[in-house]
Amino acid sequence: MLNLFKVFLLSMMLVLLQGCLAGAVVNVLAETVEAGVEITGAVIGTAVDIVVPNGKDDEEKD
């Protein structure tokens, strides 16, 4: 009887740990996507700043 309880307790712990592991994997993937979006936004923002004049260069040359 005690042995059966230990097996049950161990199986429940494994189920909970699998849930935690899946949550950790999802968290890592979400952070990776977030970092990729931030980098892409920075690159696009820099490209737009280079292509679109904002008038500062004209004022500095005078």
N, C-alpha and C. Protein backbone atom coordinates (compact mmCIF):
# COMPACT_ATOMS: atom_id res chain seq x y z
N MET A 1 0.83 -1.20 0.00
CA MET A 1 0.00 0.00 0.00
C MET A 1 0.87 1.26 0.00
N LEU A 2 1.89 1.28 0.84
CA LEU A 2 2.78 2.43 0.90
C LEU A 2 3.56 2.57 -0.40
N ASN A 3 3.92 1.45 -1.00
CA ASN A 3 4.66 1.48 -2.25
C ASN A 3 3.79 2.06 -3.38
N LEU A 4 2.51 1.72 -3.39
CA LEU A 4 1.59 2.25 -4.38
C LEU A 4 1.43 3.77 -4.21
N PHE A 5 1.40 4.23 -2.97
CA PHE A 5 1.30 5.67 -2.70
C PHE A 5 2.54 6.39 -3.21
N LYS A 6 3.72 5.80 -3.02
CA LYS A 6 4.96 6.41 -3.51
C LYS A 6 4.95 6.52 -5.03
N VAL A 7 4.47 5.49 -5.71
CA VAL A 7 4.40 5.51 -7.17
C VAL A 7 3.43 6.60 -7.62
N PHE A 8 2.29 6.69 -6.95
CA PHE A 8 1.31 7.71 -7.29
C PHE A 8 1.88 9.11 -7.06
N LEU A 9 2.54 9.31 -5.93
CA LEU A 9 3.13 10.60 -5.61
C LEU A 9 4.22 10.97 -6.62
N LEU A 10 5.04 10.01 -6.98
CA LEU A 10 6.09 10.26 -7.97
C LEU A 10 5.49 10.61 -9.32
N SER A 11 4.45 9.91 -9.72
CA SER A 11 3.81 10.20 -11.01
C SER A 11 3.18 11.59 -11.01
N MET A 12 2.58 11.99 -9.90
CA MET A 12 1.99 13.32 -9.83
C MET A 12 3.07 14.40 -9.88
N MET A 13 4.20 14.16 -9.24
CA MET A 13 5.30 15.12 -9.29
C MET A 13 5.82 15.26 -10.72
N LEU A 14 5.91 14.15 -11.42
CA LEU A 14 6.39 14.19 -12.81
C LEU A 14 5.43 14.98 -13.69
N VAL A 15 4.14 14.81 -13.47
CA VAL A 15 3.15 15.55 -14.26
C VAL A 15 3.30 17.04 -14.00
N LEU A 16 3.47 17.41 -12.74
CA LEU A 16 3.63 18.83 -12.41
C LEU A 16 4.93 19.38 -12.99
N LEU A 17 5.99 18.61 -12.94
CA LEU A 17 7.26 19.07 -13.49
C LEU A 17 7.20 19.22 -15.00
N GLN A 18 6.45 18.36 -15.66
CA GLN A 18 6.29 18.49 -17.11
C GLN A 18 5.56 19.78 -17.45
N GLY A 19 4.59 20.13 -16.64
CA GLY A 19 3.88 21.40 -16.84
C GLY A 19 4.80 22.59 -16.66
N CYS A 20 5.66 22.51 -15.65
CA CYS A 20 6.62 23.60 -15.41
C CYS A 20 7.61 23.69 -16.56
N LEU A 21 8.05 22.53 -17.05
CA LEU A 21 9.00 22.51 -18.15
C LEU A 21 8.37 23.10 -19.41
N ALA A 22 7.12 22.75 -19.68
CA ALA A 22 6.44 23.30 -20.85
C ALA A 22 6.27 24.81 -20.69
N GLY A 23 5.96 25.26 -19.49
CA GLY A 23 5.84 26.70 -19.25
C GLY A 23 7.16 27.42 -19.46
N ALA A 24 8.24 26.79 -19.03
CA ALA A 24 9.57 27.39 -19.21
C ALA A 24 9.93 27.49 -20.68
N VAL A 25 9.61 26.46 -21.45
CA VAL A 25 9.90 26.47 -22.88
C VAL A 25 9.10 27.57 -23.57
N VAL A 26 7.84 27.70 -23.23
CA VAL A 26 7.01 28.74 -23.83
C VAL A 26 7.54 30.12 -23.46
N ASN A 27 8.00 30.28 -22.22
CA ASN A 27 8.55 31.56 -21.78
C ASN A 27 9.81 31.91 -22.56
N VAL A 28 10.69 30.94 -22.75
CA VAL A 28 11.92 31.19 -23.51
C VAL A 28 11.59 31.55 -24.95
N LEU A 29 10.65 30.84 -25.55
CA LEU A 29 10.26 31.15 -26.93
C LEU A 29 9.66 32.55 -27.03
N ALA A 30 8.83 32.92 -26.07
CA ALA A 30 8.21 34.24 -26.10
C ALA A 30 9.27 35.34 -25.96
N GLU A 31 10.24 35.12 -25.08
CA GLU A 31 11.30 36.12 -24.92
C GLU A 31 12.17 36.22 -26.17
N THR A 32 12.39 35.10 -26.84
CA THR A 32 13.17 35.10 -28.07
C THR A 32 12.44 35.88 -29.17
N VAL A 33 11.16 35.65 -29.29
CA VAL A 33 10.36 36.37 -30.29
C VAL A 33 10.34 37.86 -29.96
N GLU A 34 10.19 38.18 -28.69
CA GLU A 34 10.17 39.59 -28.28
C GLU A 34 11.49 40.28 -28.62
N ALA A 35 12.59 39.60 -28.37
CA ALA A 35 13.90 40.17 -28.70
C ALA A 35 14.04 40.36 -30.21
N GLY A 36 13.55 39.39 -30.97
CA GLY A 36 13.61 39.50 -32.43
C GLY A 36 12.79 40.67 -32.94
N VAL A 37 11.63 40.89 -32.34
CA VAL A 37 10.78 42.01 -32.75
C VAL A 37 11.45 43.33 -32.40
N GLU A 38 12.07 43.40 -31.23
CA GLU A 38 12.76 44.64 -30.84
C GLU A 38 13.92 44.94 -31.78
N ILE A 39 14.69 43.93 -32.14
CA ILE A 39 15.82 44.12 -33.05
C ILE A 39 15.33 44.54 -34.43
N THR A 40 14.28 43.87 -34.91
CA THR A 40 13.73 44.23 -36.22
C THR A 40 13.21 45.66 -36.22
N GLY A 41 12.55 46.06 -35.15
CA GLY A 41 12.06 47.43 -35.04
C GLY A 41 13.19 48.44 -35.04
N ALA A 42 14.27 48.10 -34.35
CA ALA A 42 15.42 49.02 -34.31
C ALA A 42 16.07 49.15 -35.68
N VAL A 43 16.19 48.03 -36.39
CA VAL A 43 16.79 48.06 -37.73
C VAL A 43 15.92 48.86 -38.69
N ILE A 44 14.63 48.63 -38.65
CA ILE A 44 13.72 49.35 -39.54
C ILE A 44 13.71 50.84 -39.18
N GLY A 45 13.72 51.14 -37.89
CA GLY A 45 13.76 52.54 -37.48
C GLY A 45 15.02 53.24 -37.94
N THR A 46 16.15 52.55 -37.85
CA THR A 46 17.40 53.13 -38.32
C THR A 46 17.38 53.33 -39.82
N ALA A 47 16.84 52.36 -40.56
CA ALA A 47 16.76 52.48 -42.01
C ALA A 47 15.87 53.64 -42.41
N VAL A 48 14.78 53.82 -41.72
CA VAL A 48 13.87 54.93 -42.02
C VAL A 48 14.56 56.26 -41.71
N ASP A 49 15.30 56.32 -40.61
CA ASP A 49 16.03 57.55 -40.28
C ASP A 49 17.06 57.90 -41.34
N ILE A 50 17.67 56.89 -41.93
CA ILE A 50 18.68 57.13 -42.97
C ILE A 50 18.02 57.59 -44.27
N VAL A 51 16.90 56.96 -44.64
CA VAL A 51 16.27 57.24 -45.92
C VAL A 51 15.47 58.53 -45.90
N VAL A 52 14.74 58.79 -44.83
CA VAL A 52 13.85 59.94 -44.77
C VAL A 52 14.59 61.10 -44.11
N PRO A 53 14.79 62.17 -44.84
CA PRO A 53 15.46 63.33 -44.24
C PRO A 53 14.53 64.02 -43.24
N ASN A 54 15.09 64.49 -42.16
CA ASN A 54 14.26 65.16 -41.16
C ASN A 54 14.56 66.65 -41.07
N GLY A 55 15.43 67.16 -41.93
CA GLY A 55 15.69 68.58 -41.97
C GLY A 55 16.84 69.03 -41.09
N LYS A 56 17.35 68.19 -40.24
CA LYS A 56 18.43 68.59 -39.35
C LYS A 56 19.73 68.85 -40.14
N ASP A 57 19.97 68.06 -41.17
CA ASP A 57 21.19 68.23 -41.95
C ASP A 57 21.21 69.59 -42.64
N ASP A 58 20.06 70.05 -43.13
CA ASP A 58 19.98 71.34 -43.81
C ASP A 58 20.27 72.49 -42.84
N GLU A 59 19.77 72.37 -41.60
CA GLU A 59 19.98 73.42 -40.63
C GLU A 59 21.44 73.45 -40.16
N GLU A 60 22.07 72.31 -40.04
CA GLU A 60 23.45 72.27 -39.55
C GLU A 60 24.43 72.80 -40.58
N LYS A 61 24.12 72.70 -41.87
CA LYS A 61 25.03 73.17 -42.91
C LYS A 61 25.07 74.69 -43.01
N ASP A 62 24.03 75.36 -42.58
CA ASP A 62 23.97 76.83 -42.70
C ASP A 62 24.91 77.51 -41.77
